[in-house]
Amino acid sequence: MAITIERRTEGDIVVLELKGRATIGGEADRLNEALRRELSGGTRKLLANLTGLAQVDSSGLAMLVRSFVSMGCSGGTMRLVVPPGRVREVFEVTQLSRAITCYADEASALASFR
């Protein structure tokens, strides 16, 4: 199952809705490209909604973490929607949920930008 990335805006917040798998190879490359495009395009508020992800591996995590750090270094903010399930378990096992605030739903994540 290839990754699909749908981009939309909610006010001044860019939302990337991810579906499929963020795993090594083409999927992680497409995710990296989408995230880099937002960073280089001047996006200041980015929400990555992982609700539709069935799987994420270390490559997918690396892309998300790199973007989170880059966004912070450039003065922007990035949030993640990671609902309960397999992907959330990966964030908890790796303890990334301690370093990156993960929201259970999009409404809460969007509200956190305000």
PDB file of N, CA and C in Angstrom:
ATOM      1  N   MET A   1       0.850  -1.180   0.000  1.00  0.00           N
ATOM      2  CA  MET A   1       0.000   0.000   0.000  1.00  0.00           C
ATOM      3  C   MET A   1       0.890   1.236   0.000  1.00  0.00           C
ATOM      4  N   ALA A   2       0.886   1.961  -1.081  1.00  0.00           N
ATOM      5  CA  ALA A   2       1.705   3.174  -1.215  1.00  0.00           C
ATOM      6  C   ALA A   2       1.135   4.299  -0.358  1.00  0.00           C
ATOM      7  N   ILE A   3       1.992   5.228  -0.018  1.00  0.00           N
ATOM      8  CA  ILE A   3       1.542   6.379   0.767  1.00  0.00           C
ATOM      9  C   ILE A   3       0.873   7.397  -0.149  1.00  0.00           C
ATOM     10  N   THR A   4      -0.191   7.989   0.351  1.00  0.00           N
ATOM     11  CA  THR A   4      -0.801   9.132  -0.327  1.00  0.00           C
ATOM     12  C   THR A   4      -0.788  10.290   0.662  1.00  0.00           C
ATOM     13  N   ILE A   5      -0.584  11.471   0.124  1.00  0.00           N
ATOM     14  CA  ILE A   5      -0.488  12.669   0.956  1.00  0.00           C
ATOM     15  C   ILE A   5      -1.421  13.711   0.372  1.00  0.00           C
ATOM     16  N   GLU A   6      -2.427  14.066   1.150  1.00  0.00           N
ATOM     17  CA  GLU A   6      -3.370  15.094   0.724  1.00  0.00           C
ATOM     18  C   GLU A   6      -3.077  16.367   1.501  1.00  0.00           C
ATOM     19  N   ARG A   7      -2.952  17.485   0.764  1.00  0.00           N
ATOM     20  CA  ARG A   7      -2.649  18.767   1.386  1.00  0.00           C
ATOM     21  C   ARG A   7      -3.885  19.651   1.360  1.00  0.00           C
ATOM     22  N   ARG A   8      -4.143  20.294   2.494  1.00  0.00           N
ATOM     23  CA  ARG A   8      -5.222  21.267   2.579  1.00  0.00           C
ATOM     24  C   ARG A   8      -4.838  22.297   3.628  1.00  0.00           C
ATOM     25  N   THR A   9      -5.593  23.373   3.692  1.00  0.00           N
ATOM     26  CA  THR A   9      -5.315  24.394   4.693  1.00  0.00           C
ATOM     27  C   THR A   9      -6.536  24.594   5.576  1.00  0.00           C
ATOM     28  N   GLU A  10      -6.248  24.926   6.802  1.00  0.00           N
ATOM     29  CA  GLU A  10      -7.250  25.310   7.800  1.00  0.00           C
ATOM     30  C   GLU A  10      -6.788  26.658   8.332  1.00  0.00           C
ATOM     31  N   GLY A  11      -7.279  27.739   7.730  1.00  0.00           N
ATOM     32  CA  GLY A  11      -6.783  29.072   8.082  1.00  0.00           C
ATOM     33  C   GLY A  11      -5.333  29.196   7.651  1.00  0.00           C
ATOM     34  N   ASP A  12      -4.444  29.481   8.599  1.00  0.00           N
ATOM     35  CA  ASP A  12      -3.023  29.607   8.269  1.00  0.00           C
ATOM     36  C   ASP A  12      -2.237  28.332   8.576  1.00  0.00           C
ATOM     37  N   ILE A  13      -2.934  27.241   8.789  1.00  0.00           N
ATOM     38  CA  ILE A  13      -2.305  25.955   9.117  1.00  0.00           C
ATOM     39  C   ILE A  13      -2.377  25.044   7.899  1.00  0.00           C
ATOM     40  N   VAL A  14      -1.234  24.482   7.510  1.00  0.00           N
ATOM     41  CA  VAL A  14      -1.195  23.498   6.432  1.00  0.00           C
ATOM     42  C   VAL A  14      -1.370  22.117   7.054  1.00  0.00           C
ATOM     43  N   VAL A  15      -2.327  21.357   6.539  1.00  0.00           N
ATOM     44  CA  VAL A  15      -2.592  20.004   7.025  1.00  0.00           C
ATOM     45  C   VAL A  15      -2.179  19.023   5.939  1.00  0.00           C
ATOM     46  N   LEU A  16      -1.310  18.089   6.306  1.00  0.00           N
ATOM     47  CA  LEU A  16      -0.949  16.995   5.420  1.00  0.00           C
ATOM     48  C   LEU A  16      -1.585  15.736   5.983  1.00  0.00           C
ATOM     49  N   GLU A  17      -2.495  15.168   5.233  1.00  0.00           N
ATOM     50  CA  GLU A  17      -3.181  13.954   5.661  1.00  0.00           C
ATOM     51  C   GLU A  17      -2.507  12.767   4.996  1.00  0.00           C
ATOM     52  N   LEU A  18      -1.908  11.907   5.825  1.00  0.00           N
ATOM     53  CA  LEU A  18      -1.136  10.777   5.316  1.00  0.00           C
ATOM     54  C   LEU A  18      -1.963   9.498   5.383  1.00  0.00           C
ATOM     55  N   LYS A  19      -1.913   8.722   4.297  1.00  0.00           N
ATOM     56  CA  LYS A  19      -2.620   7.437   4.250  1.00  0.00           C
ATOM     57  C   LYS A  19      -1.694   6.403   3.639  1.00  0.00           C
ATOM     58  N   GLY A  20      -1.782   5.182   4.128  1.00  0.00           N
ATOM     59  CA  GLY A  20      -0.964   4.102   3.599  1.00  0.00           C
ATOM     60  C   GLY A  20       0.153   3.735   4.550  1.00  0.00           C
ATOM     61  N   ARG A  21       1.371   3.635   4.003  1.00  0.00           N
ATOM     62  CA  ARG A  21       2.528   3.250   4.804  1.00  0.00           C
ATOM     63  C   ARG A  21       3.660   4.236   4.618  1.00  0.00           C
ATOM     64  N   ALA A  22       4.293   4.620   5.707  1.00  0.00           N
ATOM     65  CA  ALA A  22       5.482   5.480   5.660  1.00  0.00           C
ATOM     66  C   ALA A  22       6.669   4.598   6.023  1.00  0.00           C
ATOM     67  N   THR A  23       7.140   3.855   5.033  1.00  0.00           N
ATOM     68  CA  THR A  23       8.204   2.878   5.251  1.00  0.00           C
ATOM     69  C   THR A  23       9.348   3.115   4.276  1.00  0.00           C
ATOM     70  N   ILE A  24      10.450   2.423   4.518  1.00  0.00           N
ATOM     71  CA  ILE A  24      11.661   2.606   3.721  1.00  0.00           C
ATOM     72  C   ILE A  24      11.363   2.438   2.232  1.00  0.00           C
ATOM     73  N   GLY A  25      12.013   3.261   1.450  1.00  0.00           N
ATOM     74  CA  GLY A  25      11.844   3.196   0.003  1.00  0.00           C
ATOM     75  C   GLY A  25      11.042   4.368  -0.516  1.00  0.00           C
ATOM     76  N   GLY A  26      10.251   4.101  -1.536  1.00  0.00           N
ATOM     77  CA  GLY A  26       9.497   5.146  -2.211  1.00  0.00           C
ATOM     78  C   GLY A  26       8.539   5.884  -1.314  1.00  0.00           C
ATOM     79  N   GLU A  27       7.918   5.176  -0.364  1.00  0.00           N
ATOM     80  CA  GLU A  27       6.956   5.827   0.526  1.00  0.00           C
ATOM     81  C   GLU A  27       7.633   6.889   1.380  1.00  0.00           C
ATOM     82  N   ALA A  28       8.754   6.536   1.992  1.00  0.00           N
ATOM     83  CA  ALA A  28       9.474   7.504   2.834  1.00  0.00           C
ATOM     84  C   ALA A  28      10.013   8.652   1.986  1.00  0.00           C
ATOM     85  N   ASP A  29      10.421   8.344   0.763  1.00  0.00           N
ATOM     86  CA  ASP A  29      10.919   9.396  -0.130  1.00  0.00           C
ATOM     87  C   ASP A  29       9.811  10.393  -0.473  1.00  0.00           C
ATOM     88  N   ARG A  30       8.608   9.897  -0.740  1.00  0.00           N
ATOM     89  CA  ARG A  30       7.482  10.789  -1.054  1.00  0.00           C
ATOM     90  C   ARG A  30       7.114  11.636   0.164  1.00  0.00           C
ATOM     91  N   LEU A  31       7.148  11.024   1.345  1.00  0.00           N
ATOM     92  CA  LEU A  31       6.871  11.773   2.571  1.00  0.00           C
ATOM     93  C   LEU A  31       7.927  12.852   2.768  1.00  0.00           C
ATOM     94  N   ASN A  32       9.183  12.498   2.597  1.00  0.00           N
ATOM     95  CA  ASN A  32      10.276  13.463   2.747  1.00  0.00           C
ATOM     96  C   ASN A  32      10.106  14.624   1.773  1.00  0.00           C
ATOM     97  N   GLU A  33       9.772  14.323   0.534  1.00  0.00           N
ATOM     98  CA  GLU A  33       9.595  15.361  -0.478  1.00  0.00           C
ATOM     99  C   GLU A  33       8.463  16.321  -0.101  1.00  0.00           C
ATOM    100  N   ALA A  34       7.346  15.770   0.365  1.00  0.00           N
ATOM    101  CA  ALA A  34       6.200  16.609   0.750  1.00  0.00           C
ATOM    102  C   ALA A  34       6.547  17.506   1.934  1.00  0.00           C
ATOM    103  N   LEU A  35       7.228  16.952   2.928  1.00  0.00           N
ATOM    104  CA  LEU A  35       7.598  17.734   4.102  1.00  0.00           C
ATOM    105  C   LEU A  35       8.620  18.817   3.749  1.00  0.00           C
ATOM    106  N   ARG A  36       9.588  18.483   2.920  1.00  0.00           N
ATOM    107  CA  ARG A  36      10.602  19.470   2.509  1.00  0.00           C
ATOM    108  C   ARG A  36       9.983  20.600   1.702  1.00  0.00           C
ATOM    109  N   ARG A  37       9.015  20.246   0.869  1.00  0.00           N
ATOM    110  CA  ARG A  37       8.337  21.261   0.059  1.00  0.00           C
ATOM    111  C   ARG A  37       7.652  22.281   0.965  1.00  0.00           C
ATOM    112  N   GLU A  38       7.033  21.803   2.042  1.00  0.00           N
ATOM    113  CA  GLU A  38       6.372  22.725   2.981  1.00  0.00           C
ATOM    114  C   GLU A  38       7.398  23.606   3.679  1.00  0.00           C
ATOM    115  N   LEU A  39       8.490  23.016   4.114  1.00  0.00           N
ATOM    116  CA  LEU A  39       9.522  23.793   4.804  1.00  0.00           C
ATOM    117  C   LEU A  39      10.139  24.834   3.891  1.00  0.00           C
ATOM    118  N   SER A  40      10.484  24.437   2.691  1.00  0.00           N
ATOM    119  CA  SER A  40      11.128  25.380   1.773  1.00  0.00           C
ATOM    120  C   SER A  40      10.136  26.405   1.234  1.00  0.00           C
ATOM    121  N   GLY A  41       8.847  26.084   1.273  1.00  0.00           N
ATOM    122  CA  GLY A  41       7.832  27.012   0.795  1.00  0.00           C
ATOM    123  C   GLY A  41       7.406  28.037   1.825  1.00  0.00           C
ATOM    124  N   GLY A  42       7.992  27.979   3.010  1.00  0.00           N
ATOM    125  CA  GLY A  42       7.705  28.983   4.024  1.00  0.00           C
ATOM    126  C   GLY A  42       6.546  28.663   4.961  1.00  0.00           C
ATOM    127  N   THR A  43       6.075  27.426   4.947  1.00  0.00           N
ATOM    128  CA  THR A  43       5.005  27.044   5.877  1.00  0.00           C
ATOM    129  C   THR A  43       5.483  27.244   7.306  1.00  0.00           C
ATOM    130  N   ARG A  44       4.668  27.900   8.122  1.00  0.00           N
ATOM    131  CA  ARG A  44       5.018  28.181   9.517  1.00  0.00           C
ATOM    132  C   ARG A  44       4.245  27.322  10.505  1.00  0.00           C
ATOM    133  N   LYS A  45       3.099  26.832  10.089  1.00  0.00           N
ATOM    134  CA  LYS A  45       2.280  25.972  10.947  1.00  0.00           C
ATOM    135  C   LYS A  45       1.899  24.747  10.135  1.00  0.00           C
ATOM    136  N   LEU A  46       2.413  23.603  10.572  1.00  0.00           N
ATOM    137  CA  LEU A  46       2.211  22.360   9.825  1.00  0.00           C
ATOM    138  C   LEU A  46       1.633  21.290  10.734  1.00  0.00           C
ATOM    139  N   LEU A  47       0.572  20.668  10.271  1.00  0.00           N
ATOM    140  CA  LEU A  47      -0.055  19.564  10.995  1.00  0.00           C
ATOM    141  C   LEU A  47       0.001  18.327  10.112  1.00  0.00           C
ATOM    142  N   ALA A  48       0.673  17.308  10.592  1.00  0.00           N
ATOM    143  CA  ALA A  48       0.716  16.027   9.885  1.00  0.00           C
ATOM    144  C   ALA A  48      -0.280  15.094  10.561  1.00  0.00           C
ATOM    145  N   ASN A  49      -1.312  14.730   9.821  1.00  0.00           N
ATOM    146  CA  ASN A  49      -2.356  13.853  10.355  1.00  0.00           C
ATOM    147  C   ASN A  49      -2.033  12.423   9.938  1.00  0.00           C
ATOM    148  N   LEU A  50      -1.654  11.606  10.903  1.00  0.00           N
ATOM    149  CA  LEU A  50      -1.236  10.230  10.643  1.00  0.00           C
ATOM    150  C   LEU A  50      -2.374   9.228  10.821  1.00  0.00           C
ATOM    151  N   THR A  51      -3.590   9.710  10.956  1.00  0.00           N
ATOM    152  CA  THR A  51      -4.740   8.837  11.208  1.00  0.00           C
ATOM    153  C   THR A  51      -4.857   7.734  10.162  1.00  0.00           C
ATOM    154  N   GLY A  52      -4.570   8.037   8.913  1.00  0.00           N
ATOM    155  CA  GLY A  52      -4.722   7.058   7.850  1.00  0.00           C
ATOM    156  C   GLY A  52      -3.516   6.172   7.612  1.00  0.00           C
ATOM    157  N   LEU A  53      -2.465   6.329   8.417  1.00  0.00           N
ATOM    158  CA  LEU A  53      -1.284   5.485   8.241  1.00  0.00           C
ATOM    159  C   LEU A  53      -1.524   4.112   8.840  1.00  0.00           C
ATOM    160  N   ALA A  54      -1.223   3.093   8.064  1.00  0.00           N
ATOM    161  CA  ALA A  54      -1.336   1.719   8.557  1.00  0.00           C
ATOM    162  C   ALA A  54      -0.031   1.263   9.196  1.00  0.00           C
ATOM    163  N   GLN A  55       1.086   1.861   8.752  1.00  0.00           N
ATOM    164  CA  GLN A  55       2.393   1.438   9.241  1.00  0.00           C
ATOM    165  C   GLN A  55       3.403   2.558   9.089  1.00  0.00           C
ATOM    166  N   VAL A  56       4.316   2.643  10.041  1.00  0.00           N
ATOM    167  CA  VAL A  56       5.444   3.563   9.962  1.00  0.00           C
ATOM    168  C   VAL A  56       6.672   2.828  10.488  1.00  0.00           C
ATOM    169  N   ASP A  57       7.791   2.978   9.796  1.00  0.00           N
ATOM    170  CA  ASP A  57       9.028   2.358  10.268  1.00  0.00           C
ATOM    171  C   ASP A  57      10.043   3.453  10.595  1.00  0.00           C
ATOM    172  N   SER A  58      11.287   3.046  10.839  1.00  0.00           N
ATOM    173  CA  SER A  58      12.305   4.018  11.245  1.00  0.00           C
ATOM    174  C   SER A  58      12.547   5.081  10.178  1.00  0.00           C
ATOM    175  N   SER A  59      12.398   4.731   8.906  1.00  0.00           N
ATOM    176  CA  SER A  59      12.577   5.723   7.841  1.00  0.00           C
ATOM    177  C   SER A  59      11.486   6.785   7.892  1.00  0.00           C
ATOM    178  N   GLY A  60      10.248   6.356   8.055  1.00  0.00           N
ATOM    179  CA  GLY A  60       9.137   7.295   8.168  1.00  0.00           C
ATOM    180  C   GLY A  60       9.261   8.162   9.404  1.00  0.00           C
ATOM    181  N   LEU A  61       9.658   7.543  10.518  1.00  0.00           N
ATOM    182  CA  LEU A  61       9.858   8.307  11.754  1.00  0.00           C
ATOM    183  C   LEU A  61      10.958   9.346  11.569  1.00  0.00           C
ATOM    184  N   ALA A  62      12.036   8.947  10.905  1.00  0.00           N
ATOM    185  CA  ALA A  62      13.148   9.879  10.694  1.00  0.00           C
ATOM    186  C   ALA A  62      12.704  11.104   9.904  1.00  0.00           C
ATOM    187  N   MET A  63      11.869  10.905   8.905  1.00  0.00           N
ATOM    188  CA  MET A  63      11.381  12.037   8.104  1.00  0.00           C
ATOM    189  C   MET A  63      10.545  12.978   8.963  1.00  0.00           C
ATOM    190  N   LEU A  64       9.686  12.421   9.800  1.00  0.00           N
ATOM    191  CA  LEU A  64       8.830  13.233  10.658  1.00  0.00           C
ATOM    192  C   LEU A  64       9.656  13.986  11.700  1.00  0.00           C
ATOM    193  N   VAL A  65      10.603  13.300  12.320  1.00  0.00           N
ATOM    194  CA  VAL A  65      11.441  13.940  13.343  1.00  0.00           C
ATOM    195  C   VAL A  65      12.295  15.035  12.719  1.00  0.00           C
ATOM    196  N   ARG A  66      12.894  14.764  11.574  1.00  0.00           N
ATOM    197  CA  ARG A  66      13.726  15.763  10.895  1.00  0.00           C
ATOM    198  C   ARG A  66      12.911  17.007  10.577  1.00  0.00           C
ATOM    199  N   SER A  67      11.705  16.806  10.088  1.00  0.00           N
ATOM    200  CA  SER A  67      10.845  17.947   9.750  1.00  0.00           C
ATOM    201  C   SER A  67      10.428  18.712  10.996  1.00  0.00           C
ATOM    202  N   PHE A  68      10.124  17.993  12.078  1.00  0.00           N
ATOM    203  CA  PHE A  68       9.753  18.628  13.341  1.00  0.00           C
ATOM    204  C   PHE A  68      10.885  19.530  13.826  1.00  0.00           C
ATOM    205  N   VAL A  69      12.109  19.020  13.801  1.00  0.00           N
ATOM    206  CA  VAL A  69      13.269  19.795  14.254  1.00  0.00           C
ATOM    207  C   VAL A  69      13.524  20.979  13.322  1.00  0.00           C
ATOM    208  N   SER A  70      13.490  20.730  12.015  1.00  0.00           N
ATOM    209  CA  SER A  70      13.728  21.807  11.044  1.00  0.00           C
ATOM    210  C   SER A  70      12.692  22.906  11.166  1.00  0.00           C
ATOM    211  N   MET A  71      11.442  22.510  11.362  1.00  0.00           N
ATOM    212  CA  MET A  71      10.374  23.503  11.496  1.00  0.00           C
ATOM    213  C   MET A  71      10.624  24.364  12.729  1.00  0.00           C
ATOM    214  N   GLY A  72      10.993  23.749  13.835  1.00  0.00           N
ATOM    215  CA  GLY A  72      11.281  24.501  15.055  1.00  0.00           C
ATOM    216  C   GLY A  72      12.469  25.430  14.900  1.00  0.00           C
ATOM    217  N   CYS A  73      13.515  24.966  14.223  1.00  0.00           N
ATOM    218  CA  CYS A  73      14.714  25.788  14.019  1.00  0.00           C
ATOM    219  C   CYS A  73      14.440  26.991  13.129  1.00  0.00           C
ATOM    220  N   SER A  74      13.450  26.874  12.253  1.00  0.00           N
ATOM    221  CA  SER A  74      13.142  27.987  11.350  1.00  0.00           C
ATOM    222  C   SER A  74      12.039  28.893  11.911  1.00  0.00           C
ATOM    223  N   GLY A  75      11.639  28.639  13.168  1.00  0.00           N
ATOM    224  CA  GLY A  75      10.650  29.492  13.803  1.00  0.00           C
ATOM    225  C   GLY A  75       9.214  29.053  13.597  1.00  0.00           C
ATOM    226  N   GLY A  76       9.031  27.890  13.012  1.00  0.00           N
ATOM    227  CA  GLY A  76       7.686  27.379  12.789  1.00  0.00           C
ATOM    228  C   GLY A  76       7.283  26.360  13.837  1.00  0.00           C
ATOM    229  N   THR A  77       6.094  25.805  13.647  1.00  0.00           N
ATOM    230  CA  THR A  77       5.548  24.826  14.575  1.00  0.00           C
ATOM    231  C   THR A  77       4.966  23.661  13.795  1.00  0.00           C
ATOM    232  N   MET A  78       5.257  22.458  14.256  1.00  0.00           N
ATOM    233  CA  MET A  78       4.698  21.256  13.646  1.00  0.00           C
ATOM    234  C   MET A  78       4.025  20.421  14.716  1.00  0.00           C
ATOM    235  N   ARG A  79       2.844  19.936  14.409  1.00  0.00           N
ATOM    236  CA  ARG A  79       2.093  19.070  15.316  1.00  0.00           C
ATOM    237  C   ARG A  79       1.753  17.777  14.573  1.00  0.00           C
ATOM    238  N   LEU A  80       1.504  16.729  15.348  1.00  0.00           N
ATOM    239  CA  LEU A  80       1.136  15.438  14.781  1.00  0.00           C
ATOM    240  C   LEU A  80      -0.183  14.959  15.361  1.00  0.00           C
ATOM    241  N   VAL A  81      -1.012  14.372  14.511  1.00  0.00           N
ATOM    242  CA  VAL A  81      -2.205  13.658  14.963  1.00  0.00           C
ATOM    243  C   VAL A  81      -1.857  12.186  14.864  1.00  0.00           C
ATOM    244  N   VAL A  82      -1.802  11.525  16.016  1.00  0.00           N
ATOM    245  CA  VAL A  82      -1.467  10.105  16.075  1.00  0.00           C
ATOM    246  C   VAL A  82      -2.491   9.435  16.990  1.00  0.00           C
ATOM    247  N   PRO A  83      -3.591   8.936  16.423  1.00  0.00           N
ATOM    248  CA  PRO A  83      -4.625   8.321  17.253  1.00  0.00           C
ATOM    249  C   PRO A  83      -4.159   6.971  17.801  1.00  0.00           C
ATOM    250  N   PRO A  84      -4.868   6.450  18.801  1.00  0.00           N
ATOM    251  CA  PRO A  84      -4.514   5.131  19.340  1.00  0.00           C
ATOM    252  C   PRO A  84      -4.482   4.083  18.231  1.00  0.00           C
ATOM    253  N   GLY A  85      -3.548   3.165  18.348  1.00  0.00           N
ATOM    254  CA  GLY A  85      -3.400   2.101  17.360  1.00  0.00           C
ATOM    255  C   GLY A  85      -1.937   1.769  17.144  1.00  0.00           C
ATOM    256  N   ARG A  86      -1.663   1.072  16.054  1.00  0.00           N
ATOM    257  CA  ARG A  86      -0.302   0.588  15.786  1.00  0.00           C
ATOM    258  C   ARG A  86       0.712   1.715  15.647  1.00  0.00           C
ATOM    259  N   VAL A  87       0.359   2.750  14.928  1.00  0.00           N
ATOM    260  CA  VAL A  87       1.310   3.844  14.727  1.00  0.00           C
ATOM    261  C   VAL A  87       1.583   4.555  16.053  1.00  0.00           C
ATOM    262  N   ARG A  88       0.556   4.747  16.857  1.00  0.00           N
ATOM    263  CA  ARG A  88       0.740   5.375  18.174  1.00  0.00           C
ATOM    264  C   ARG A  88       1.667   4.529  19.044  1.00  0.00           C
ATOM    265  N   GLU A  89       1.520   3.210  18.959  1.00  0.00           N
ATOM    266  CA  GLU A  89       2.383   2.312  19.730  1.00  0.00           C
ATOM    267  C   GLU A  89       3.849   2.502  19.351  1.00  0.00           C
ATOM    268  N   VAL A  90       4.124   2.716  18.076  1.00  0.00           N
ATOM    269  CA  VAL A  90       5.500   2.960  17.634  1.00  0.00           C
ATOM    270  C   VAL A  90       6.037   4.235  18.278  1.00  0.00           C
ATOM    271  N   PHE A  91       5.221   5.276  18.310  1.00  0.00           N
ATOM    272  CA  PHE A  91       5.642   6.533  18.936  1.00  0.00           C
ATOM    273  C   PHE A  91       5.883   6.351  20.436  1.00  0.00           C
ATOM    274  N   GLU A  92       5.102   5.509  21.075  1.00  0.00           N
ATOM    275  CA  GLU A  92       5.278   5.294  22.510  1.00  0.00           C
ATOM    276  C   GLU A  92       6.481   4.403  22.806  1.00  0.00           C
ATOM    277  N   VAL A  93       6.668   3.346  22.029  1.00  0.00           N
ATOM    278  CA  VAL A  93       7.797   2.444  22.242  1.00  0.00           C
ATOM    279  C   VAL A  93       9.119   3.164  22.018  1.00  0.00           C
ATOM    280  N   THR A  94       9.174   4.001  21.010  1.00  0.00           N
ATOM    281  CA  THR A  94      10.398   4.766  20.717  1.00  0.00           C
ATOM    282  C   THR A  94      10.539   6.002  21.609  1.00  0.00           C
ATOM    283  N   GLN A  95       9.524   6.281  22.385  1.00  0.00           N
ATOM    284  CA  GLN A  95       9.446   7.430  23.283  1.00  0.00           C
ATOM    285  C   GLN A  95       9.434   8.768  22.540  1.00  0.00           C
ATOM    286  N   LEU A  96       9.117   8.730  21.261  1.00  0.00           N
ATOM    287  CA  LEU A  96       8.982   9.980  20.507  1.00  0.00           C
ATOM    288  C   LEU A  96       7.774  10.782  20.975  1.00  0.00           C
ATOM    289  N   SER A  97       6.791  10.092  21.532  1.00  0.00           N
ATOM    290  CA  SER A  97       5.615  10.808  22.027  1.00  0.00           C
ATOM    291  C   SER A  97       5.960  11.704  23.215  1.00  0.00           C
ATOM    292  N   ARG A  98       7.111  11.491  23.820  1.00  0.00           N
ATOM    293  CA  ARG A  98       7.576  12.376  24.893  1.00  0.00           C
ATOM    294  C   ARG A  98       8.247  13.622  24.335  1.00  0.00           C
ATOM    295  N   ALA A  99       8.890  13.475  23.180  1.00  0.00           N
ATOM    296  CA  ALA A  99       9.615  14.591  22.575  1.00  0.00           C
ATOM    297  C   ALA A  99       8.721  15.430  21.671  1.00  0.00           C
ATOM    298  N   ILE A 100       7.754  14.779  21.031  1.00  0.00           N
ATOM    299  CA  ILE A 100       6.851  15.450  20.099  1.00  0.00           C
ATOM    300  C   ILE A 100       5.433  15.254  20.625  1.00  0.00           C
ATOM    301  N   THR A 101       4.743  16.343  20.889  1.00  0.00           N
ATOM    302  CA  THR A 101       3.376  16.225  21.367  1.00  0.00           C
ATOM    303  C   THR A 101       2.503  15.639  20.268  1.00  0.00           C
ATOM    304  N   CYS A 102       1.843  14.543  20.588  1.00  0.00           N
ATOM    305  CA  CYS A 102       0.977  13.850  19.640  1.00  0.00           C
ATOM    306  C   CYS A 102      -0.471  13.988  20.111  1.00  0.00           C
ATOM    307  N   TYR A 103      -1.317  14.423  19.229  1.00  0.00           N
ATOM    308  CA  TYR A 103      -2.728  14.625  19.548  1.00  0.00           C
ATOM    309  C   TYR A 103      -3.539  13.437  19.029  1.00  0.00           C
ATOM    310  N   ALA A 104      -4.600  13.093  19.747  1.00  0.00           N
ATOM    311  CA  ALA A 104      -5.428  11.951  19.379  1.00  0.00           C
ATOM    312  C   ALA A 104      -6.378  12.261  18.229  1.00  0.00           C
ATOM    313  N   ASP A 105      -6.681  13.555  18.036  1.00  0.00           N
ATOM    314  CA  ASP A 105      -7.603  13.918  16.958  1.00  0.00           C
ATOM    315  C   ASP A 105      -7.190  15.265  16.361  1.00  0.00           C
ATOM    316  N   GLU A 106      -7.681  15.509  15.163  1.00  0.00           N
ATOM    317  CA  GLU A 106      -7.291  16.710  14.437  1.00  0.00           C
ATOM    318  C   GLU A 106      -7.811  17.988  15.086  1.00  0.00           C
ATOM    319  N   ALA A 107      -9.007  17.948  15.631  1.00  0.00           N
ATOM    320  CA  ALA A 107      -9.576  19.151  16.251  1.00  0.00           C
ATOM    321  C   ALA A 107      -8.696  19.647  17.403  1.00  0.00           C
ATOM    322  N   SER A 108      -8.218  18.734  18.232  1.00  0.00           N
ATOM    323  CA  SER A 108      -7.337  19.115  19.347  1.00  0.00           C
ATOM    324  C   SER A 108      -6.023  19.667  18.845  1.00  0.00           C
ATOM    325  N   ALA A 109      -5.481  19.045  17.806  1.00  0.00           N
ATOM    326  CA  ALA A 109      -4.198  19.507  17.260  1.00  0.00           C
ATOM    327  C   ALA A 109      -4.347  20.907  16.651  1.00  0.00           C
ATOM    328  N   LEU A 110      -5.408  21.121  15.909  1.00  0.00           N
ATOM    329  CA  LEU A 110      -5.643  22.445  15.314  1.00  0.00           C
ATOM    330  C   LEU A 110      -5.818  23.501  16.401  1.00  0.00           C
ATOM    331  N   ALA A 111      -6.548  23.173  17.454  1.00  0.00           N
ATOM    332  CA  ALA A 111      -6.774  24.120  18.550  1.00  0.00           C
ATOM    333  C   ALA A 111      -5.463  24.481  19.255  1.00  0.00           C
ATOM    334  N   SER A 112      -4.506  23.571  19.264  1.00  0.00           N
ATOM    335  CA  SER A 112      -3.238  23.829  19.957  1.00  0.00           C
ATOM    336  C   SER A 112      -2.401  24.919  19.272  1.00  0.00           C
ATOM    337  N   PHE A 113      -2.687  25.197  18.012  1.00  0.00           N
ATOM    338  CA  PHE A 113      -1.954  26.244  17.297  1.00  0.00           C
ATOM    339  C   PHE A 113      -2.415  27.630  17.726  1.00  0.00           C
ATOM    340  N   ARG A 114      -3.570  27.729  18.331  1.00  0.00           N
ATOM    341  CA  ARG A 114      -4.147  29.031  18.663  1.00  0.00           C
ATOM    342  C   ARG A 114      -3.819  29.460  20.057  1.00  0.00           C
TER     343      ARG A 114
END
